[in-house]
Amino acid sequence: MSSLQNEANQYAVLGIPAADGRSEKQEITCLFESLQANKLLVETQGRPALSAAVSIEYNDVLFLGEVVRVAPGSHGTWRVEVKVEQALNGLQSLVNLRARLLGYGAVSAPRREQTAFSLCA
């Protein structure tokens, strides 16, 4: 995986599976900080558990991995380091292909409501 450092400080979505395994996963808006080798760093207001399996959606890429480090950030946030096990890109292309193959027609990307997330300077 190449470094995405130049795209740092963009919004991403951190997905944490529900503890009971039956509920929907919790989705937390976060700031993408960097990706180097297989280590991804985000800053978020929610604190995931160490060793939790997580997903991170960023720029049409879905990263799947495990939380390997959680440290306090600035102003009540958390810096979360994820060891990336899989990266799936071209998600919108795959959704459109699936829709065409199943006869649904073209599908636009699902829209997420922009969640207020600010890091005080």
PDB file of N, CA and C in Angstrom:
ATOM      1  N   MET A   1       0.833  -1.175   0.000  1.00  0.00           N
ATOM      2  CA  MET A   1       0.000   0.000   0.000  1.00  0.00           C
ATOM      3  C   MET A   1       0.878   1.238   0.000  1.00  0.00           C
ATOM      4  N   SER A   2       0.504   2.214  -0.740  1.00  0.00           N
ATOM      5  CA  SER A   2       1.291   3.432  -0.783  1.00  0.00           C
ATOM      6  C   SER A   2       0.853   4.372   0.327  1.00  0.00           C
ATOM      7  N   SER A   3       1.675   5.376   0.543  1.00  0.00           N
ATOM      8  CA  SER A   3       1.373   6.352   1.583  1.00  0.00           C
ATOM      9  C   SER A   3       0.305   7.316   1.089  1.00  0.00           C
ATOM     10  N   LEU A   4      -0.660   7.603   1.932  1.00  0.00           N
ATOM     11  CA  LEU A   4      -1.685   8.590   1.619  1.00  0.00           C
ATOM     12  C   LEU A   4      -1.517   9.811   2.507  1.00  0.00           C
ATOM     13  N   GLN A   5      -0.308  10.063   2.960  1.00  0.00           N
ATOM     14  CA  GLN A   5      -0.036  11.155   3.890  1.00  0.00           C
ATOM     15  C   GLN A   5      -0.465  12.499   3.324  1.00  0.00           C
ATOM     16  N   ASN A   6      -0.308  12.699   2.006  1.00  0.00           N
ATOM     17  CA  ASN A   6      -0.656  13.984   1.426  1.00  0.00           C
ATOM     18  C   ASN A   6      -2.156  14.254   1.463  1.00  0.00           C
ATOM     19  N   GLU A   7      -2.965  13.255   1.742  1.00  0.00           N
ATOM     20  CA  GLU A   7      -4.406  13.434   1.831  1.00  0.00           C
ATOM     21  C   GLU A   7      -4.865  13.476   3.280  1.00  0.00           C
ATOM     22  N   ALA A   8      -3.941  13.737   4.176  1.00  0.00           N
ATOM     23  CA  ALA A   8      -4.252  13.710   5.601  1.00  0.00           C
ATOM     24  C   ALA A   8      -5.319  14.734   5.966  1.00  0.00           C
ATOM     25  N   ASN A   9      -5.949  14.489   7.094  1.00  0.00           N
ATOM     26  CA  ASN A   9      -6.961  15.367   7.679  1.00  0.00           C
ATOM     27  C   ASN A   9      -8.222  15.499   6.826  1.00  0.00           C
ATOM     28  N   GLN A  10      -8.627  14.407   6.216  1.00  0.00           N
ATOM     29  CA  GLN A  10      -9.885  14.326   5.512  1.00  0.00           C
ATOM     30  C   GLN A  10     -10.826  13.456   6.339  1.00  0.00           C
ATOM     31  N   TYR A  11     -12.119  13.656   6.153  1.00  0.00           N
ATOM     32  CA  TYR A  11     -13.082  12.852   6.900  1.00  0.00           C
ATOM     33  C   TYR A  11     -13.105  11.407   6.421  1.00  0.00           C
ATOM     34  N   ALA A  12     -13.304  10.507   7.354  1.00  0.00           N
ATOM     35  CA  ALA A  12     -13.454   9.079   7.089  1.00  0.00           C
ATOM     36  C   ALA A  12     -14.534   8.570   8.036  1.00  0.00           C
ATOM     37  N   VAL A  13     -14.932   7.317   7.866  1.00  0.00           N
ATOM     38  CA  VAL A  13     -15.926   6.713   8.748  1.00  0.00           C
ATOM     39  C   VAL A  13     -15.329   5.450   9.352  1.00  0.00           C
ATOM     40  N   LEU A  14     -15.262   5.430  10.680  1.00  0.00           N
ATOM     41  CA  LEU A  14     -14.765   4.286  11.429  1.00  0.00           C
ATOM     42  C   LEU A  14     -15.955   3.422  11.807  1.00  0.00           C
ATOM     43  N   GLY A  15     -15.945   2.163  11.383  1.00  0.00           N
ATOM     44  CA  GLY A  15     -17.031   1.236  11.690  1.00  0.00           C
ATOM     45  C   GLY A  15     -16.591   0.239  12.742  1.00  0.00           C
ATOM     46  N   ILE A  16     -17.365   0.154  13.811  1.00  0.00           N
ATOM     47  CA  ILE A  16     -17.066  -0.760  14.910  1.00  0.00           C
ATOM     48  C   ILE A  16     -18.251  -1.708  15.068  1.00  0.00           C
ATOM     49  N   PRO A  17     -18.024  -3.019  14.911  1.00  0.00           N
ATOM     50  CA  PRO A  17     -19.139  -3.960  15.066  1.00  0.00           C
ATOM     51  C   PRO A  17     -19.742  -3.885  16.468  1.00  0.00           C
ATOM     52  N   ALA A  18     -21.035  -4.132  16.557  1.00  0.00           N
ATOM     53  CA  ALA A  18     -21.717  -4.131  17.855  1.00  0.00           C
ATOM     54  C   ALA A  18     -21.185  -5.274  18.707  1.00  0.00           C
ATOM     55  N   ALA A  19     -21.078  -5.037  19.989  1.00  0.00           N
ATOM     56  CA  ALA A  19     -20.543  -6.037  20.917  1.00  0.00           C
ATOM     57  C   ALA A  19     -21.405  -7.296  20.953  1.00  0.00           C
ATOM     58  N   ASP A  20     -22.728  -7.126  20.792  1.00  0.00           N
ATOM     59  CA  ASP A  20     -23.618  -8.289  20.866  1.00  0.00           C
ATOM     60  C   ASP A  20     -23.687  -9.068  19.558  1.00  0.00           C
ATOM     61  N   GLY A  21     -23.093  -8.519  18.482  1.00  0.00           N
ATOM     62  CA  GLY A  21     -23.082  -9.211  17.207  1.00  0.00           C
ATOM     63  C   GLY A  21     -24.398  -9.182  16.458  1.00  0.00           C
ATOM     64  N   ARG A  22     -25.440  -8.664  17.072  1.00  0.00           N
ATOM     65  CA  ARG A  22     -26.756  -8.631  16.427  1.00  0.00           C
ATOM     66  C   ARG A  22     -27.145  -7.240  15.976  1.00  0.00           C
ATOM     67  N   SER A  23     -26.688  -6.221  16.664  1.00  0.00           N
ATOM     68  CA  SER A  23     -27.031  -4.844  16.318  1.00  0.00           C
ATOM     69  C   SER A  23     -26.185  -4.377  15.134  1.00  0.00           C
ATOM     70  N   GLU A  24     -26.588  -3.247  14.570  1.00  0.00           N
ATOM     71  CA  GLU A  24     -25.802  -2.662  13.497  1.00  0.00           C
ATOM     72  C   GLU A  24     -24.496  -2.136  14.060  1.00  0.00           C
ATOM     73  N   LYS A  25     -23.497  -2.055  13.179  1.00  0.00           N
ATOM     74  CA  LYS A  25     -22.218  -1.539  13.637  1.00  0.00           C
ATOM     75  C   LYS A  25     -22.342  -0.053  13.945  1.00  0.00           C
ATOM     76  N   GLN A  26     -21.508   0.399  14.851  1.00  0.00           N
ATOM     77  CA  GLN A  26     -21.455   1.816  15.208  1.00  0.00           C
ATOM     78  C   GLN A  26     -20.560   2.503  14.188  1.00  0.00           C
ATOM     79  N   GLU A  27     -21.009   3.611  13.626  1.00  0.00           N
ATOM     80  CA  GLU A  27     -20.211   4.366  12.679  1.00  0.00           C
ATOM     81  C   GLU A  27     -19.859   5.711  13.284  1.00  0.00           C
ATOM     82  N   ILE A  28     -18.560   6.007  13.302  1.00  0.00           N
ATOM     83  CA  ILE A  28     -18.051   7.223  13.930  1.00  0.00           C
ATOM     84  C   ILE A  28     -17.280   8.020  12.888  1.00  0.00           C
ATOM     85  N   THR A  29     -17.650   9.284  12.702  1.00  0.00           N
ATOM     86  CA  THR A  29     -16.902  10.155  11.816  1.00  0.00           C
ATOM     87  C   THR A  29     -15.546  10.425  12.451  1.00  0.00           C
ATOM     88  N   CYS A  30     -14.509  10.356  11.642  1.00  0.00           N
ATOM     89  CA  CYS A  30     -13.165  10.583  12.160  1.00  0.00           C
ATOM     90  C   CYS A  30     -12.349  11.348  11.133  1.00  0.00           C
ATOM     91  N   LEU A  31     -11.159  11.752  11.539  1.00  0.00           N
ATOM     92  CA  LEU A  31     -10.236  12.406  10.625  1.00  0.00           C
ATOM     93  C   LEU A  31      -9.150  11.418  10.237  1.00  0.00           C
ATOM     94  N   PHE A  32      -8.983  11.207   8.949  1.00  0.00           N
ATOM     95  CA  PHE A  32      -7.925  10.358   8.432  1.00  0.00           C
ATOM     96  C   PHE A  32      -6.621  11.139   8.581  1.00  0.00           C
ATOM     97  N   GLU A  33      -5.619  10.533   9.210  1.00  0.00           N
ATOM     98  CA  GLU A  33      -4.337  11.217   9.371  1.00  0.00           C
ATOM     99  C   GLU A  33      -3.275  10.682   8.430  1.00  0.00           C
ATOM    100  N   SER A  34      -3.081   9.346   8.415  1.00  0.00           N
ATOM    101  CA  SER A  34      -2.043   8.807   7.532  1.00  0.00           C
ATOM    102  C   SER A  34      -2.214   7.304   7.341  1.00  0.00           C
ATOM    103  N   LEU A  35      -1.577   6.824   6.277  1.00  0.00           N
ATOM    104  CA  LEU A  35      -1.475   5.395   6.007  1.00  0.00           C
ATOM    105  C   LEU A  35      -0.057   5.154   5.529  1.00  0.00           C
ATOM    106  N   GLN A  36       0.683   4.377   6.286  1.00  0.00           N
ATOM    107  CA  GLN A  36       2.046   4.025   5.901  1.00  0.00           C
ATOM    108  C   GLN A  36       2.217   2.540   6.113  1.00  0.00           C
ATOM    109  N   ALA A  37       2.669   1.868   5.052  1.00  0.00           N
ATOM    110  CA  ALA A  37       2.768   0.411   5.051  1.00  0.00           C
ATOM    111  C   ALA A  37       1.384  -0.143   5.372  1.00  0.00           C
ATOM    112  N   ASN A  38       1.215  -0.853   6.469  1.00  0.00           N
ATOM    113  CA  ASN A  38      -0.105  -1.385   6.814  1.00  0.00           C
ATOM    114  C   ASN A  38      -0.642  -0.766   8.102  1.00  0.00           C
ATOM    115  N   LYS A  39      -0.163   0.403   8.476  1.00  0.00           N
ATOM    116  CA  LYS A  39      -0.633   1.112   9.677  1.00  0.00           C
ATOM    117  C   LYS A  39      -1.420   2.348   9.255  1.00  0.00           C
ATOM    118  N   LEU A  40      -2.656   2.425   9.709  1.00  0.00           N
ATOM    119  CA  LEU A  40      -3.531   3.540   9.393  1.00  0.00           C
ATOM    120  C   LEU A  40      -3.801   4.297  10.682  1.00  0.00           C
ATOM    121  N   LEU A  41      -3.743   5.606  10.648  1.00  0.00           N
ATOM    122  CA  LEU A  41      -3.948   6.427  11.834  1.00  0.00           C
ATOM    123  C   LEU A  41      -5.114   7.383  11.605  1.00  0.00           C
ATOM    124  N   VAL A  42      -6.087   7.357  12.529  1.00  0.00           N
ATOM    125  CA  VAL A  42      -7.220   8.281  12.489  1.00  0.00           C
ATOM    126  C   VAL A  42      -7.362   8.934  13.854  1.00  0.00           C
ATOM    127  N   GLU A  43      -8.052  10.063  13.869  1.00  0.00           N
ATOM    128  CA  GLU A  43      -8.376  10.739  15.126  1.00  0.00           C
ATOM    129  C   GLU A  43      -9.892  10.821  15.219  1.00  0.00           C
ATOM    130  N   THR A  44     -10.426  10.404  16.356  1.00  0.00           N
ATOM    131  CA  THR A  44     -11.871  10.291  16.496  1.00  0.00           C
ATOM    132  C   THR A  44     -12.321  10.696  17.894  1.00  0.00           C
ATOM    133  N   GLN A  45     -13.604  10.994  18.022  1.00  0.00           N
ATOM    134  CA  GLN A  45     -14.145  11.339  19.328  1.00  0.00           C
ATOM    135  C   GLN A  45     -14.609  10.110  20.096  1.00  0.00           C
ATOM    136  N   GLY A  46     -14.767   8.985  19.411  1.00  0.00           N
ATOM    137  CA  GLY A  46     -15.145   7.734  20.073  1.00  0.00           C
ATOM    138  C   GLY A  46     -13.904   6.890  20.304  1.00  0.00           C
ATOM    139  N   ARG A  47     -13.906   6.120  21.369  1.00  0.00           N
ATOM    140  CA  ARG A  47     -12.742   5.293  21.702  1.00  0.00           C
ATOM    141  C   ARG A  47     -13.056   3.819  21.460  1.00  0.00           C
ATOM    142  N   PRO A  48     -12.500   3.230  20.385  1.00  0.00           N
ATOM    143  CA  PRO A  48     -12.718   1.800  20.164  1.00  0.00           C
ATOM    144  C   PRO A  48     -11.836   0.975  21.107  1.00  0.00           C
ATOM    145  N   ALA A  49     -12.246  -0.235  21.358  1.00  0.00           N
ATOM    146  CA  ALA A  49     -11.477  -1.127  22.225  1.00  0.00           C
ATOM    147  C   ALA A  49     -10.223  -1.607  21.507  1.00  0.00           C
ATOM    148  N   LEU A  50      -9.176  -1.788  22.269  1.00  0.00           N
ATOM    149  CA  LEU A  50      -7.947  -2.358  21.743  1.00  0.00           C
ATOM    150  C   LEU A  50      -8.251  -3.757  21.205  1.00  0.00           C
ATOM    151  N   SER A  51      -7.701  -4.120  20.102  1.00  0.00           N
ATOM    152  CA  SER A  51      -7.885  -5.412  19.417  1.00  0.00           C
ATOM    153  C   SER A  51      -9.238  -5.556  18.736  1.00  0.00           C
ATOM    154  N   ALA A  52     -10.039  -4.490  18.701  1.00  0.00           N
ATOM    155  CA  ALA A  52     -11.343  -4.559  18.024  1.00  0.00           C
ATOM    156  C   ALA A  52     -11.141  -4.651  16.515  1.00  0.00           C
ATOM    157  N   ALA A  53     -11.943  -5.469  15.873  1.00  0.00           N
ATOM    158  CA  ALA A  53     -11.968  -5.522  14.408  1.00  0.00           C
ATOM    159  C   ALA A  53     -12.763  -4.318  13.936  1.00  0.00           C
ATOM    160  N   VAL A  54     -12.202  -3.536  13.018  1.00  0.00           N
ATOM    161  CA  VAL A  54     -12.863  -2.315  12.565  1.00  0.00           C
ATOM    162  C   VAL A  54     -12.782  -2.204  11.046  1.00  0.00           C
ATOM    163  N   SER A  55     -13.612  -1.319  10.528  1.00  0.00           N
ATOM    164  CA  SER A  55     -13.527  -0.942   9.118  1.00  0.00           C
ATOM    165  C   SER A  55     -13.385   0.572   9.070  1.00  0.00           C
ATOM    166  N   ILE A  56     -12.704   1.054   8.040  1.00  0.00           N
ATOM    167  CA  ILE A  56     -12.569   2.492   7.834  1.00  0.00           C
ATOM    168  C   ILE A  56     -12.856   2.759   6.369  1.00  0.00           C
ATOM    169  N   GLU A  57     -13.866   3.593   6.118  1.00  0.00           N
ATOM    170  CA  GLU A  57     -14.226   3.976   4.752  1.00  0.00           C
ATOM    171  C   GLU A  57     -13.607   5.330   4.476  1.00  0.00           C
ATOM    172  N   TYR A  58     -12.802   5.382   3.413  1.00  0.00           N
ATOM    173  CA  TYR A  58     -12.105   6.622   3.075  1.00  0.00           C
ATOM    174  C   TYR A  58     -11.833   6.669   1.580  1.00  0.00           C
ATOM    175  N   ASN A  59     -12.302   7.702   0.905  1.00  0.00           N
ATOM    176  CA  ASN A  59     -12.032   7.915  -0.520  1.00  0.00           C
ATOM    177  C   ASN A  59     -12.279   6.668  -1.374  1.00  0.00           C
ATOM    178  N   ASP A  60     -13.441   6.083  -1.266  1.00  0.00           N
ATOM    179  CA  ASP A  60     -13.843   4.924  -2.062  1.00  0.00           C
ATOM    180  C   ASP A  60     -12.977   3.691  -1.794  1.00  0.00           C
ATOM    181  N   VAL A  61     -12.369   3.650  -0.606  1.00  0.00           N
ATOM    182  CA  VAL A  61     -11.591   2.487  -0.178  1.00  0.00           C
ATOM    183  C   VAL A  61     -12.135   2.031   1.171  1.00  0.00           C
ATOM    184  N   LEU A  62     -12.278   0.734   1.323  1.00  0.00           N
ATOM    185  CA  LEU A  62     -12.695   0.158   2.597  1.00  0.00           C
ATOM    186  C   LEU A  62     -11.497  -0.587   3.182  1.00  0.00           C
ATOM    187  N   PHE A  63     -10.996  -0.094   4.311  1.00  0.00           N
ATOM    188  CA  PHE A  63      -9.888  -0.734   5.010  1.00  0.00           C
ATOM    189  C   PHE A  63     -10.471  -1.608   6.116  1.00  0.00           C
ATOM    190  N   LEU A  64      -9.995  -2.831   6.229  1.00  0.00           N
ATOM    191  CA  LEU A  64     -10.408  -3.742   7.287  1.00  0.00           C
ATOM    192  C   LEU A  64      -9.183  -4.077   8.110  1.00  0.00           C
ATOM    193  N   GLY A  65      -9.318  -3.998   9.427  1.00  0.00           N
ATOM    194  CA  GLY A  65      -8.158  -4.277  10.259  1.00  0.00           C
ATOM    195  C   GLY A  65      -8.492  -4.370  11.729  1.00  0.00           C
ATOM    196  N   GLU A  66      -7.448  -4.258  12.532  1.00  0.00           N
ATOM    197  CA  GLU A  66      -7.560  -4.418  13.982  1.00  0.00           C
ATOM    198  C   GLU A  66      -6.931  -3.221  14.676  1.00  0.00           C
ATOM    199  N   VAL A  67      -7.587  -2.742  15.721  1.00  0.00           N
ATOM    200  CA  VAL A  67      -7.056  -1.629  16.508  1.00  0.00           C
ATOM    201  C   VAL A  67      -5.852  -2.142  17.297  1.00  0.00           C
ATOM    202  N   VAL A  68      -4.696  -1.524  17.061  1.00  0.00           N
ATOM    203  CA  VAL A  68      -3.486  -1.959  17.757  1.00  0.00           C
ATOM    204  C   VAL A  68      -2.995  -0.939  18.774  1.00  0.00           C
ATOM    205  N   ARG A  69      -3.512   0.304  18.689  1.00  0.00           N
ATOM    206  CA  ARG A  69      -3.097   1.324  19.653  1.00  0.00           C
ATOM    207  C   ARG A  69      -4.164   2.401  19.734  1.00  0.00           C
ATOM    208  N   VAL A  70      -4.466   2.808  20.948  1.00  0.00           N
ATOM    209  CA  VAL A  70      -5.387   3.912  21.189  1.00  0.00           C
ATOM    210  C   VAL A  70      -4.706   4.842  22.188  1.00  0.00           C
ATOM    211  N   ALA A  71      -4.566   6.102  21.806  1.00  0.00           N
ATOM    212  CA  ALA A  71      -3.904   7.065  22.688  1.00  0.00           C
ATOM    213  C   ALA A  71      -4.729   8.346  22.736  1.00  0.00           C
ATOM    214  N   PRO A  72      -4.690   9.045  23.869  1.00  0.00           N
ATOM    215  CA  PRO A  72      -5.417  10.310  23.943  1.00  0.00           C
ATOM    216  C   PRO A  72      -4.882  11.294  22.907  1.00  0.00           C
ATOM    217  N   GLY A  73      -5.797  11.990  22.252  1.00  0.00           N
ATOM    218  CA  GLY A  73      -5.425  13.028  21.299  1.00  0.00           C
ATOM    219  C   GLY A  73      -5.609  14.387  21.957  1.00  0.00           C
ATOM    220  N   SER A  74      -5.806  15.388  21.160  1.00  0.00           N
ATOM    221  CA  SER A  74      -6.014  16.726  21.703  1.00  0.00           C
ATOM    222  C   SER A  74      -7.502  16.988  21.923  1.00  0.00           C
ATOM    223  N   HIS A  75      -7.810  17.715  22.958  1.00  0.00           N
ATOM    224  CA  HIS A  75      -9.172  18.183  23.230  1.00  0.00           C
ATOM    225  C   HIS A  75     -10.203  17.065  23.317  1.00  0.00           C
ATOM    226  N   GLY A  76      -9.861  15.986  24.005  1.00  0.00           N
ATOM    227  CA  GLY A  76     -10.816  14.914  24.252  1.00  0.00           C
ATOM    228  C   GLY A  76     -10.991  13.919  23.120  1.00  0.00           C
ATOM    229  N   THR A  77     -10.136  13.971  22.113  1.00  0.00           N
ATOM    230  CA  THR A  77     -10.223  13.002  21.019  1.00  0.00           C
ATOM    231  C   THR A  77      -9.285  11.828  21.291  1.00  0.00           C
ATOM    232  N   TRP A  78      -9.368  10.834  20.415  1.00  0.00           N
ATOM    233  CA  TRP A  78      -8.523   9.644  20.522  1.00  0.00           C
ATOM    234  C   TRP A  78      -7.794   9.434  19.213  1.00  0.00           C
ATOM    235  N   ARG A  79      -6.502   9.131  19.292  1.00  0.00           N
ATOM    236  CA  ARG A  79      -5.706   8.754  18.120  1.00  0.00           C
ATOM    237  C   ARG A  79      -5.701   7.238  18.064  1.00  0.00           C
ATOM    238  N   VAL A  80      -6.220   6.703  16.971  1.00  0.00           N
ATOM    239  CA  VAL A  80      -6.415   5.268  16.835  1.00  0.00           C
ATOM    240  C   VAL A  80      -5.530   4.747  15.704  1.00  0.00           C
ATOM    241  N   GLU A  81      -4.697   3.766  16.031  1.00  0.00           N
ATOM    242  CA  GLU A  81      -3.857   3.130  15.019  1.00  0.00           C
ATOM    243  C   GLU A  81      -4.443   1.767  14.700  1.00  0.00           C
ATOM    244  N   VAL A  82      -4.616   1.520  13.399  1.00  0.00           N
ATOM    245  CA  VAL A  82      -5.220   0.276  12.937  1.00  0.00           C
ATOM    246  C   VAL A  82      -4.210  -0.462  12.063  1.00  0.00           C
ATOM    247  N   LYS A  83      -4.013  -1.735  12.347  1.00  0.00           N
ATOM    248  CA  LYS A  83      -3.198  -2.589  11.482  1.00  0.00           C
ATOM    249  C   LYS A  83      -4.123  -3.074  10.376  1.00  0.00           C
ATOM    250  N   VAL A  84      -3.865  -2.648   9.152  1.00  0.00           N
ATOM    251  CA  VAL A  84      -4.725  -2.965   8.021  1.00  0.00           C
ATOM    252  C   VAL A  84      -4.430  -4.382   7.525  1.00  0.00           C
ATOM    253  N   GLU A  85      -5.486  -5.196   7.466  1.00  0.00           N
ATOM    254  CA  GLU A  85      -5.372  -6.564   6.964  1.00  0.00           C
ATOM    255  C   GLU A  85      -5.808  -6.653   5.505  1.00  0.00           C
ATOM    256  N   GLN A  86      -6.810  -5.859   5.127  1.00  0.00           N
ATOM    257  CA  GLN A  86      -7.352  -5.862   3.765  1.00  0.00           C
ATOM    258  C   GLN A  86      -7.715  -4.441   3.374  1.00  0.00           C
ATOM    259  N   ALA A  87      -7.535  -4.121   2.102  1.00  0.00           N
ATOM    260  CA  ALA A  87      -7.985  -2.843   1.557  1.00  0.00           C
ATOM    261  C   ALA A  87      -8.738  -3.147   0.269  1.00  0.00           C
ATOM    262  N   LEU A  88      -9.983  -2.733   0.232  1.00  0.00           N
ATOM    263  CA  LEU A  88     -10.833  -2.961  -0.938  1.00  0.00           C
ATOM    264  C   LEU A  88     -11.093  -1.614  -1.584  1.00  0.00           C
ATOM    265  N   ASN A  89     -10.674  -1.438  -2.839  1.00  0.00           N
ATOM    266  CA  ASN A  89     -10.891  -0.145  -3.479  1.00  0.00           C
ATOM    267  C   ASN A  89     -11.849  -0.272  -4.645  1.00  0.00           C
ATOM    268  N   GLY A  90     -12.254   0.868  -5.184  1.00  0.00           N
ATOM    269  CA  GLY A  90     -13.220   0.878  -6.272  1.00  0.00           C
ATOM    270  C   GLY A  90     -14.596   0.430  -5.825  1.00  0.00           C
ATOM    271  N   LEU A  91     -14.970   0.754  -4.608  1.00  0.00           N
ATOM    272  CA  LEU A  91     -16.238   0.272  -4.060  1.00  0.00           C
ATOM    273  C   LEU A  91     -17.436   0.726  -4.882  1.00  0.00           C
ATOM    274  N   GLN A  92     -17.431   1.971  -5.322  1.00  0.00           N
ATOM    275  CA  GLN A  92     -18.564   2.457  -6.100  1.00  0.00           C
ATOM    276  C   GLN A  92     -18.663   1.708  -7.422  1.00  0.00           C
ATOM    277  N   SER A  93     -17.535   1.399  -8.036  1.00  0.00           N
ATOM    278  CA  SER A  93     -17.539   0.627  -9.276  1.00  0.00           C
ATOM    279  C   SER A  93     -18.126  -0.756  -9.049  1.00  0.00           C
ATOM    280  N   LEU A  94     -17.776  -1.384  -7.935  1.00  0.00           N
ATOM    281  CA  LEU A  94     -18.320  -2.705  -7.621  1.00  0.00           C
ATOM    282  C   LEU A  94     -19.826  -2.655  -7.373  1.00  0.00           C
ATOM    283  N   VAL A  95     -20.292  -1.633  -6.698  1.00  0.00           N
ATOM    284  CA  VAL A  95     -21.728  -1.491  -6.436  1.00  0.00           C
ATOM    285  C   VAL A  95     -22.472  -1.316  -7.753  1.00  0.00           C
ATOM    286  N   ASN A  96     -21.932  -0.494  -8.651  1.00  0.00           N
ATOM    287  CA  ASN A  96     -22.582  -0.281  -9.948  1.00  0.00           C
ATOM    288  C   ASN A  96     -22.576  -1.550 -10.796  1.00  0.00           C
ATOM    289  N   LEU A  97     -21.461  -2.285 -10.782  1.00  0.00           N
ATOM    290  CA  LEU A  97     -21.392  -3.535 -11.527  1.00  0.00           C
ATOM    291  C   LEU A  97     -22.419  -4.532 -10.999  1.00  0.00           C
ATOM    292  N   ARG A  98     -22.494  -4.662  -9.694  1.00  0.00           N
ATOM    293  CA  ARG A  98     -23.474  -5.570  -9.075  1.00  0.00           C
ATOM    294  C   ARG A  98     -24.893  -5.177  -9.479  1.00  0.00           C
ATOM    295  N   ALA A  99     -25.179  -3.873  -9.454  1.00  0.00           N
ATOM    296  CA  ALA A  99     -26.509  -3.399  -9.818  1.00  0.00           C
ATOM    297  C   ALA A  99     -26.834  -3.733 -11.277  1.00  0.00           C
ATOM    298  N   ARG A 100     -25.865  -3.538 -12.173  1.00  0.00           N
ATOM    299  CA  ARG A 100     -26.100  -3.855 -13.596  1.00  0.00           C
ATOM    300  C   ARG A 100     -26.303  -5.353 -13.786  1.00  0.00           C
ATOM    301  N   LEU A 101     -25.491  -6.164 -13.121  1.00  0.00           N
ATOM    302  CA  LEU A 101     -25.605  -7.607 -13.270  1.00  0.00           C
ATOM    303  C   LEU A 101     -26.934  -8.137 -12.741  1.00  0.00           C
ATOM    304  N   LEU A 102     -27.436  -7.492 -11.701  1.00  0.00           N
ATOM    305  CA  LEU A 102     -28.705  -7.932 -11.111  1.00  0.00           C
ATOM    306  C   LEU A 102     -29.898  -7.199 -11.696  1.00  0.00           C
ATOM    307  N   GLY A 103     -29.635  -6.310 -12.675  1.00  0.00           N
ATOM    308  CA  GLY A 103     -30.716  -5.616 -13.353  1.00  0.00           C
ATOM    309  C   GLY A 103     -31.312  -4.454 -12.581  1.00  0.00           C
ATOM    310  N   TYR A 104     -30.564  -3.900 -11.637  1.00  0.00           N
ATOM    311  CA  TYR A 104     -31.089  -2.777 -10.869  1.00  0.00           C
ATOM    312  C   TYR A 104     -30.817  -1.431 -11.516  1.00  0.00           C
ATOM    313  N   GLY A 105     -29.972  -1.377 -12.510  1.00  0.00           N
ATOM    314  CA  GLY A 105     -29.580  -0.103 -13.097  1.00  0.00           C
ATOM    315  C   GLY A 105     -28.471   0.526 -12.268  1.00  0.00           C
ATOM    316  N   ALA A 106     -28.006   1.663 -12.702  1.00  0.00           N
ATOM    317  CA  ALA A 106     -26.907   2.339 -11.995  1.00  0.00           C
ATOM    318  C   ALA A 106     -27.378   2.841 -10.639  1.00  0.00           C
ATOM    319  N   VAL A 107     -26.496   2.759  -9.703  1.00  0.00           N
ATOM    320  CA  VAL A 107     -26.799   3.181  -8.336  1.00  0.00           C
ATOM    321  C   VAL A 107     -25.794   4.238  -7.931  1.00  0.00           C
ATOM    322  N   SER A 108     -26.268   5.310  -7.332  1.00  0.00           N
ATOM    323  CA  SER A 108     -25.333   6.327  -6.854  1.00  0.00           C
ATOM    324  C   SER A 108     -24.848   5.948  -5.464  1.00  0.00           C
ATOM    325  N   ALA A 109     -23.722   6.511  -5.100  1.00  0.00           N
ATOM    326  CA  ALA A 109     -23.137   6.223  -3.788  1.00  0.00           C
ATOM    327  C   ALA A 109     -24.089   6.663  -2.692  1.00  0.00           C
ATOM    328  N   PRO A 110     -24.191   5.878  -1.631  1.00  0.00           N
ATOM    329  CA  PRO A 110     -25.040   6.306  -0.529  1.00  0.00           C
ATOM    330  C   PRO A 110     -24.492   7.580   0.068  1.00  0.00           C
ATOM    331  N   ARG A 111     -25.365   8.504   0.399  1.00  0.00           N
ATOM    332  CA  ARG A 111     -24.942   9.775   0.971  1.00  0.00           C
ATOM    333  C   ARG A 111     -24.946   9.673   2.473  1.00  0.00           C
ATOM    334  N   ARG A 112     -23.894  10.153   3.060  1.00  0.00           N
ATOM    335  CA  ARG A 112     -23.784  10.197   4.516  1.00  0.00           C
ATOM    336  C   ARG A 112     -24.004  11.634   4.948  1.00  0.00           C
ATOM    337  N   GLU A 113     -24.728  11.783   6.008  1.00  0.00           N
ATOM    338  CA  GLU A 113     -24.893  13.114   6.571  1.00  0.00           C
ATOM    339  C   GLU A 113     -23.572  13.545   7.157  1.00  0.00           C
ATOM    340  N   GLN A 114     -23.177  14.762   6.857  1.00  0.00           N
ATOM    341  CA  GLN A 114     -21.934  15.281   7.420  1.00  0.00           C
ATOM    342  C   GLN A 114     -22.141  15.510   8.905  1.00  0.00           C
ATOM    343  N   THR A 115     -21.376  14.835   9.710  1.00  0.00           N
ATOM    344  CA  THR A 115     -21.457  14.961  11.144  1.00  0.00           C
ATOM    345  C   THR A 115     -20.506  16.023  11.605  1.00  0.00           C
ATOM    346  N   ALA A 116     -20.943  16.848  12.507  1.00  0.00           N
ATOM    347  CA  ALA A 116     -20.044  17.893  13.025  1.00  0.00           C
ATOM    348  C   ALA A 116     -18.902  17.229  13.756  1.00  0.00           C
ATOM    349  N   PHE A 117     -17.698  17.537  13.336  1.00  0.00           N
ATOM    350  CA  PHE A 117     -16.504  16.995  13.974  1.00  0.00           C
ATOM    351  C   PHE A 117     -15.472  18.088  13.917  1.00  0.00           C
ATOM    352  N   SER A 118     -15.115  18.603  15.023  1.00  0.00           N
ATOM    353  CA  SER A 118     -14.110  19.651  15.008  1.00  0.00           C
ATOM    354  C   SER A 118     -13.051  19.373  16.042  1.00  0.00           C
ATOM    355  N   LEU A 119     -11.845  19.673  15.653  1.00  0.00           N
ATOM    356  CA  LEU A 119     -10.729  19.571  16.576  1.00  0.00           C
ATOM    357  C   LEU A 119     -10.306  21.000  16.875  1.00  0.00           C
ATOM    358  N   CYS A 120     -10.424  21.372  18.105  1.00  0.00           N
ATOM    359  CA  CYS A 120     -10.072  22.737  18.494  1.00  0.00           C
ATOM    360  C   CYS A 120      -8.576  22.940  18.311  1.00  0.00           C
ATOM    361  N   ALA A 121      -8.221  24.066  17.783  1.00  0.00           N
ATOM    362  CA  ALA A 121      -6.790  24.358  17.559  1.00  0.00           C
ATOM    363  C   ALA A 121      -6.138  24.849  18.809  1.00  0.00           C
TER     364      ALA A 121
END
